[in-house]
Amino acid sequence: MALFRLNVALPDRPGSLGLLASAIGAAGGDIKELIVLKSEGGRGFDDITVAIPGNDPNDLVDLLNSMGGVDVISVVHVG
């Protein structure tokens, strides 16, 4: 499993983070760390460190970007 840090923006409303976490789990990812960075303009900004099978986060990033209001801002390989 490879580790990636995702910087994401999502709607700042109840349940948004839960839906994001569920999507990560359904894709086979395991959240190792979550840091809530800020809330601004009705959006939440978080850093999420995720372990995924294989070495390519593109499928996960595409899945998250397809969710309403979620934007993956950056992806960094961390291990």
Protein backbone atom coordinates (compact mmCIF):
# COMPACT_ATOMS: atom_id res chain seq x y z
CA MET A 1 0.00 0.00 0.00
CA ALA A 2 1.22 3.48 -0.84
CA LEU A 3 0.60 6.63 1.20
CA PHE A 4 -0.63 9.86 -0.34
CA ARG A 5 -1.57 13.20 1.21
CA LEU A 6 -4.62 14.70 -0.46
CA ASN A 7 -5.48 18.35 -0.01
CA VAL A 8 -9.23 18.57 -0.57
CA ALA A 9 -11.96 21.19 -0.56
CA LEU A 10 -15.52 20.12 0.17
CA PRO A 11 -18.83 21.70 1.12
CA ASP A 12 -18.79 22.86 4.74
CA ARG A 13 -22.03 21.19 5.83
CA PRO A 14 -22.95 18.25 8.06
CA GLY A 15 -22.17 14.88 6.51
CA SER A 16 -19.79 16.05 3.77
CA LEU A 17 -16.68 14.70 5.45
CA GLY A 18 -18.46 11.43 6.26
CA LEU A 19 -19.42 10.94 2.62
CA LEU A 20 -15.85 11.64 1.56
CA ALA A 21 -14.49 9.14 4.10
CA SER A 22 -17.01 6.52 2.96
CA ALA A 23 -15.98 6.99 -0.67
CA ILE A 24 -12.31 6.56 0.25
CA GLY A 25 -13.13 3.34 2.11
CA ALA A 26 -15.31 2.00 -0.71
CA ALA A 27 -12.37 2.54 -3.09
CA GLY A 28 -10.12 0.42 -0.84
CA GLY A 29 -8.36 3.35 0.81
CA ASP A 30 -7.53 3.59 4.49
CA ILE A 31 -7.43 7.04 6.12
CA LYS A 32 -4.30 7.30 8.24
CA GLU A 33 -4.52 10.98 9.20
CA LEU A 34 -6.95 13.84 8.74
CA ILE A 35 -6.18 17.48 9.43
CA VAL A 36 -8.92 20.08 9.19
CA LEU A 37 -7.16 23.17 7.88
CA LYS A 38 -9.87 25.82 7.65
CA SER A 39 -13.42 26.72 6.73
CA GLU A 40 -13.86 29.59 4.34
CA GLY A 41 -16.65 30.72 2.03
CA GLY A 42 -18.85 27.72 2.75
CA ARG A 43 -16.02 25.27 1.97
CA GLY A 44 -13.92 23.11 4.25
CA PHE A 45 -10.25 22.49 3.46
CA ASP A 46 -8.58 19.33 4.76
CA ASP A 47 -5.36 17.33 4.39
CA ILE A 48 -6.09 13.61 4.33
CA THR A 49 -3.33 11.00 4.37
CA VAL A 50 -4.60 7.83 2.71
CA ALA A 51 -3.09 4.37 2.19
CA ILE A 52 -4.22 2.90 -1.12
CA PRO A 53 -3.56 -0.41 -2.87
CA GLY A 54 -0.91 -0.03 -5.58
CA ASN A 55 0.98 3.15 -6.39
CA ASP A 56 -1.43 5.17 -8.53
CA PRO A 57 -3.90 7.50 -6.79
CA ASN A 58 -5.61 8.61 -10.02
CA ASP A 59 -8.67 6.35 -9.67
CA LEU A 60 -9.27 7.60 -6.13
CA VAL A 61 -8.74 11.22 -7.15
CA ASP A 62 -11.16 10.82 -10.06
CA LEU A 63 -13.76 9.27 -7.76
CA LEU A 64 -13.48 12.06 -5.20
CA ASN A 65 -13.58 14.78 -7.86
CA SER A 66 -16.78 13.24 -9.24
CA MET A 67 -18.54 13.80 -5.91
CA GLY A 68 -20.68 16.92 -5.79
CA GLY A 69 -18.67 19.87 -4.51
CA VAL A 70 -15.45 17.97 -3.78
CA ASP A 71 -12.20 19.18 -5.32
CA VAL A 72 -8.86 17.43 -4.85
CA ILE A 73 -6.47 20.37 -4.90
CA SER A 74 -3.20 18.45 -4.67
CA VAL A 75 -1.77 14.96 -4.22
CA VAL A 76 1.64 14.26 -2.66
CA HIS A 77 3.24 10.80 -2.39
CA VAL A 78 4.43 10.44 1.21
CA GLY A 79 5.42 6.79 1.41
